[in-house]
Amino acid sequence: MSVELFITGLVFWFGCGVVTSRIAAELRGRSANPWFWIGFLLGPIGIIAAVALQVKRPCPQCQGMIDPQARKCQHCGSDVDPTPLKQHDSA
């Protein structure tokens, strides 16, 4: 195996890790560090897994991850205001 092929593969897997962590953190509200390693180790499968994640948001009281539409935290039982879904502009 040539060194160029090894470096190209390493850059590809590193890129998969970065893309996976960005999707999980910014679009799905998850921690980026574990998802970087999932993407780095699984490559394109990690990206697919990050896209398939459900969107979560932190509870204002306990910081546990809850559904955006939730009215009550499943972790601490406090009442929370649901977050409206973002509307895409059609224009």
N, C-alpha and C. Protein backbone atom coordinates (compact mmCIF):
# COMPACT_ATOMS: atom_id res chain seq x y z
N MET A 1 0.85 -1.18 0.00
CA MET A 1 0.00 0.00 0.00
C MET A 1 0.89 1.23 0.00
N SER A 2 0.57 2.16 -0.84
CA SER A 2 1.39 3.36 -0.94
C SER A 2 1.02 4.37 0.16
N VAL A 3 1.95 5.22 0.46
CA VAL A 3 1.75 6.24 1.49
C VAL A 3 0.66 7.21 1.05
N GLU A 4 0.60 7.55 -0.22
CA GLU A 4 -0.41 8.50 -0.72
C GLU A 4 -1.82 7.94 -0.52
N LEU A 5 -1.99 6.66 -0.78
CA LEU A 5 -3.30 6.04 -0.60
C LEU A 5 -3.69 6.02 0.87
N PHE A 6 -2.74 5.74 1.75
CA PHE A 6 -3.00 5.74 3.18
C PHE A 6 -3.41 7.14 3.66
N ILE A 7 -2.70 8.15 3.24
CA ILE A 7 -3.00 9.53 3.66
C ILE A 7 -4.35 9.96 3.10
N THR A 8 -4.64 9.60 1.86
CA THR A 8 -5.95 9.94 1.27
C THR A 8 -7.07 9.29 2.06
N GLY A 9 -6.91 8.03 2.42
CA GLY A 9 -7.93 7.34 3.22
C GLY A 9 -8.09 7.97 4.59
N LEU A 10 -6.98 8.34 5.21
CA LEU A 10 -7.04 8.97 6.53
C LEU A 10 -7.77 10.31 6.47
N VAL A 11 -7.49 11.10 5.43
CA VAL A 11 -8.19 12.38 5.26
C VAL A 11 -9.67 12.16 5.03
N PHE A 12 -10.02 11.14 4.23
CA PHE A 12 -11.44 10.84 3.98
C PHE A 12 -12.16 10.48 5.28
N TRP A 13 -11.59 9.58 6.09
CA TRP A 13 -12.23 9.15 7.34
C TRP A 13 -12.29 10.30 8.33
N PHE A 14 -11.26 11.15 8.37
CA PHE A 14 -11.28 12.32 9.24
C PHE A 14 -12.40 13.27 8.81
N GLY A 15 -12.54 13.46 7.51
CA GLY A 15 -13.63 14.30 6.98
C GLY A 15 -15.00 13.76 7.35
N CYS A 16 -15.14 12.44 7.27
CA CYS A 16 -16.42 11.83 7.68
C CYS A 16 -16.70 12.11 9.15
N GLY A 17 -15.66 12.06 9.98
CA GLY A 17 -15.83 12.36 11.41
C GLY A 17 -16.25 13.79 11.64
N VAL A 18 -15.66 14.72 10.92
CA VAL A 18 -16.01 16.14 11.07
C VAL A 18 -17.44 16.39 10.61
N VAL A 19 -17.81 15.85 9.47
CA VAL A 19 -19.18 16.04 8.95
C VAL A 19 -20.20 15.44 9.91
N THR A 20 -19.92 14.24 10.41
CA THR A 20 -20.84 13.58 11.34
C THR A 20 -21.01 14.39 12.61
N SER A 21 -19.91 14.90 13.18
CA SER A 21 -20.02 15.66 14.42
C SER A 21 -20.76 16.97 14.20
N ARG A 22 -20.57 17.62 13.06
CA ARG A 22 -21.29 18.87 12.78
C ARG A 22 -22.79 18.62 12.64
N ILE A 23 -23.16 17.56 11.94
CA ILE A 23 -24.59 17.23 11.79
C ILE A 23 -25.20 16.94 13.15
N ALA A 24 -24.54 16.10 13.94
CA ALA A 24 -25.09 15.71 15.24
C ALA A 24 -25.18 16.89 16.18
N ALA A 25 -24.17 17.75 16.20
CA ALA A 25 -24.13 18.86 17.16
C ALA A 25 -25.03 20.01 16.74
N GLU A 26 -24.89 20.48 15.52
CA GLU A 26 -25.60 21.70 15.12
C GLU A 26 -27.03 21.46 14.68
N LEU A 27 -27.30 20.34 14.04
CA LEU A 27 -28.65 20.10 13.53
C LEU A 27 -29.49 19.22 14.44
N ARG A 28 -28.85 18.42 15.27
CA ARG A 28 -29.59 17.47 16.10
C ARG A 28 -29.46 17.72 17.59
N GLY A 29 -28.64 18.68 18.00
CA GLY A 29 -28.52 19.03 19.42
C GLY A 29 -27.79 18.00 20.25
N ARG A 30 -26.86 17.27 19.68
CA ARG A 30 -26.12 16.24 20.40
C ARG A 30 -24.69 16.69 20.65
N SER A 31 -23.98 15.96 21.48
CA SER A 31 -22.58 16.24 21.77
C SER A 31 -21.72 15.89 20.56
N ALA A 32 -20.82 16.79 20.18
CA ALA A 32 -20.03 16.59 18.96
C ALA A 32 -18.91 15.57 19.11
N ASN A 33 -18.27 15.51 20.28
CA ASN A 33 -17.09 14.65 20.43
C ASN A 33 -17.36 13.17 20.18
N PRO A 34 -18.37 12.56 20.82
CA PRO A 34 -18.61 11.15 20.52
C PRO A 34 -18.99 10.92 19.06
N TRP A 35 -19.72 11.87 18.49
CA TRP A 35 -20.15 11.70 17.10
C TRP A 35 -19.01 11.87 16.12
N PHE A 36 -17.97 12.63 16.50
CA PHE A 36 -16.78 12.68 15.64
C PHE A 36 -16.17 11.29 15.54
N TRP A 37 -16.02 10.62 16.68
CA TRP A 37 -15.40 9.30 16.68
C TRP A 37 -16.27 8.26 15.98
N ILE A 38 -17.58 8.38 16.10
CA ILE A 38 -18.47 7.48 15.37
C ILE A 38 -18.29 7.68 13.87
N GLY A 39 -18.24 8.94 13.44
CA GLY A 39 -18.04 9.23 12.02
C GLY A 39 -16.66 8.82 11.54
N PHE A 40 -15.64 9.02 12.38
CA PHE A 40 -14.28 8.64 12.00
C PHE A 40 -14.15 7.13 11.86
N LEU A 41 -14.75 6.39 12.76
CA LEU A 41 -14.62 4.93 12.74
C LEU A 41 -15.55 4.26 11.72
N LEU A 42 -16.73 4.84 11.51
CA LEU A 42 -17.70 4.21 10.61
C LEU A 42 -17.78 4.87 9.24
N GLY A 43 -17.18 6.04 9.09
CA GLY A 43 -17.17 6.72 7.79
C GLY A 43 -18.56 7.14 7.35
N PRO A 44 -18.92 6.82 6.12
CA PRO A 44 -20.23 7.24 5.59
C PRO A 44 -21.41 6.68 6.38
N ILE A 45 -21.24 5.54 7.02
CA ILE A 45 -22.32 4.98 7.85
C ILE A 45 -22.58 5.89 9.04
N GLY A 46 -21.53 6.49 9.60
CA GLY A 46 -21.69 7.45 10.70
C GLY A 46 -22.46 8.68 10.27
N ILE A 47 -22.22 9.14 9.06
CA ILE A 47 -22.96 10.30 8.54
C ILE A 47 -24.44 9.96 8.43
N ILE A 48 -24.74 8.78 7.90
CA ILE A 48 -26.14 8.35 7.78
C ILE A 48 -26.78 8.25 9.16
N ALA A 49 -26.05 7.72 10.14
CA ALA A 49 -26.59 7.61 11.50
C ALA A 49 -26.87 8.98 12.09
N ALA A 50 -26.00 9.96 11.85
CA ALA A 50 -26.21 11.31 12.39
C ALA A 50 -27.42 11.98 11.74
N VAL A 51 -27.62 11.75 10.45
CA VAL A 51 -28.78 12.32 9.76
C VAL A 51 -30.07 11.71 10.29
N ALA A 52 -30.02 10.43 10.68
CA ALA A 52 -31.21 9.73 11.15
C ALA A 52 -31.58 10.06 12.60
N LEU A 53 -30.72 10.80 13.31
CA LEU A 53 -31.01 11.15 14.71
C LEU A 53 -32.24 12.04 14.82
N GLN A 54 -32.94 11.90 15.91
CA GLN A 54 -34.05 12.81 16.19
C GLN A 54 -33.49 14.11 16.76
N VAL A 55 -34.18 15.20 16.49
CA VAL A 55 -33.79 16.50 17.02
C VAL A 55 -34.11 16.54 18.51
N LYS A 56 -33.19 17.01 19.32
CA LYS A 56 -33.38 17.13 20.77
C LYS A 56 -33.00 18.54 21.20
N ARG A 57 -33.48 18.93 22.37
CA ARG A 57 -33.09 20.21 22.98
C ARG A 57 -32.92 20.00 24.47
N PRO A 58 -32.11 20.84 25.13
CA PRO A 58 -31.91 20.66 26.57
C PRO A 58 -33.09 21.20 27.38
N CYS A 59 -33.41 20.51 28.48
CA CYS A 59 -34.40 20.99 29.43
C CYS A 59 -33.83 22.22 30.13
N PRO A 60 -34.62 23.30 30.31
CA PRO A 60 -34.09 24.49 30.97
C PRO A 60 -33.75 24.27 32.45
N GLN A 61 -34.34 23.25 33.08
CA GLN A 61 -34.10 23.01 34.50
C GLN A 61 -32.92 22.06 34.75
N CYS A 62 -32.95 20.88 34.12
CA CYS A 62 -31.94 19.85 34.43
C CYS A 62 -30.93 19.63 33.31
N GLN A 63 -31.12 20.25 32.16
CA GLN A 63 -30.26 20.12 30.98
C GLN A 63 -30.30 18.73 30.34
N GLY A 64 -31.27 17.90 30.73
CA GLY A 64 -31.46 16.61 30.05
C GLY A 64 -32.02 16.85 28.66
N MET A 65 -31.66 16.00 27.71
CA MET A 65 -32.12 16.17 26.33
C MET A 65 -33.56 15.68 26.20
N ILE A 66 -34.43 16.56 25.67
CA ILE A 66 -35.85 16.25 25.52
C ILE A 66 -36.31 16.57 24.11
N ASP A 67 -37.47 16.07 23.75
CA ASP A 67 -38.08 16.35 22.46
C ASP A 67 -38.44 17.83 22.38
N PRO A 68 -38.26 18.47 21.22
CA PRO A 68 -38.58 19.90 21.11
C PRO A 68 -40.05 20.22 21.37
N GLN A 69 -40.95 19.27 21.13
CA GLN A 69 -42.37 19.51 21.32
C GLN A 69 -42.86 19.16 22.72
N ALA A 70 -41.96 18.67 23.58
CA ALA A 70 -42.34 18.20 24.91
C ALA A 70 -42.87 19.35 25.77
N ARG A 71 -43.87 19.05 26.58
CA ARG A 71 -44.42 20.02 27.53
C ARG A 71 -43.95 19.73 28.95
N LYS A 72 -43.41 18.52 29.18
CA LYS A 72 -42.91 18.12 30.49
C LYS A 72 -41.61 17.35 30.28
N CYS A 73 -40.60 17.65 31.09
CA CYS A 73 -39.31 16.98 30.99
C CYS A 73 -39.44 15.55 31.48
N GLN A 74 -38.93 14.61 30.70
CA GLN A 74 -38.99 13.20 31.09
C GLN A 74 -37.97 12.86 32.17
N HIS A 75 -37.00 13.75 32.41
CA HIS A 75 -35.95 13.47 33.40
C HIS A 75 -36.30 14.03 34.78
N CYS A 76 -36.70 15.32 34.84
CA CYS A 76 -36.95 15.95 36.13
C CYS A 76 -38.42 16.24 36.38
N GLY A 77 -39.26 16.11 35.35
CA GLY A 77 -40.69 16.31 35.52
C GLY A 77 -41.14 17.76 35.49
N SER A 78 -40.24 18.71 35.21
CA SER A 78 -40.64 20.12 35.20
C SER A 78 -41.40 20.44 33.91
N ASP A 79 -42.31 21.41 34.03
CA ASP A 79 -43.05 21.87 32.86
C ASP A 79 -42.15 22.76 32.01
N VAL A 80 -42.18 22.54 30.69
CA VAL A 80 -41.39 23.33 29.76
C VAL A 80 -42.28 23.80 28.63
N ASP A 81 -41.89 24.91 28.01
CA ASP A 81 -42.61 25.41 26.85
C ASP A 81 -42.12 24.67 25.61
N PRO A 82 -43.03 24.16 24.78
CA PRO A 82 -42.58 23.49 23.56
C PRO A 82 -41.97 24.49 22.59
N THR A 83 -40.99 24.04 21.85
CA THR A 83 -40.34 24.87 20.84
C THR A 83 -41.06 24.67 19.52
N PRO A 84 -41.53 25.74 18.88
CA PRO A 84 -42.20 25.55 17.60
C PRO A 84 -41.21 25.09 16.53
N LEU A 85 -41.70 24.27 15.60
CA LEU A 85 -40.86 23.83 14.49
C LEU A 85 -40.55 25.03 13.60
N LYS A 86 -39.35 25.03 13.03
CA LYS A 86 -38.96 26.12 12.14
C LYS A 86 -39.73 25.99 10.83
N GLN A 87 -40.25 27.10 10.37
CA GLN A 87 -40.97 27.13 9.11
C GLN A 87 -40.00 27.53 8.00
N HIS A 88 -39.99 26.77 6.91
CA HIS A 88 -39.13 27.08 5.78
C HIS A 88 -39.86 28.11 4.92
N ASP A 89 -39.10 29.09 4.46
CA ASP A 89 -39.69 30.10 3.58
C ASP A 89 -39.87 29.49 2.19
N SER A 90 -41.06 29.69 1.63
CA SER A 90 -41.32 29.14 0.30
C SER A 90 -40.90 30.11 -0.78
N ALA A 91 -40.59 31.34 -0.43
CA ALA A 91 -40.20 32.33 -1.44
C ALA A 91 -38.71 32.36 -1.62
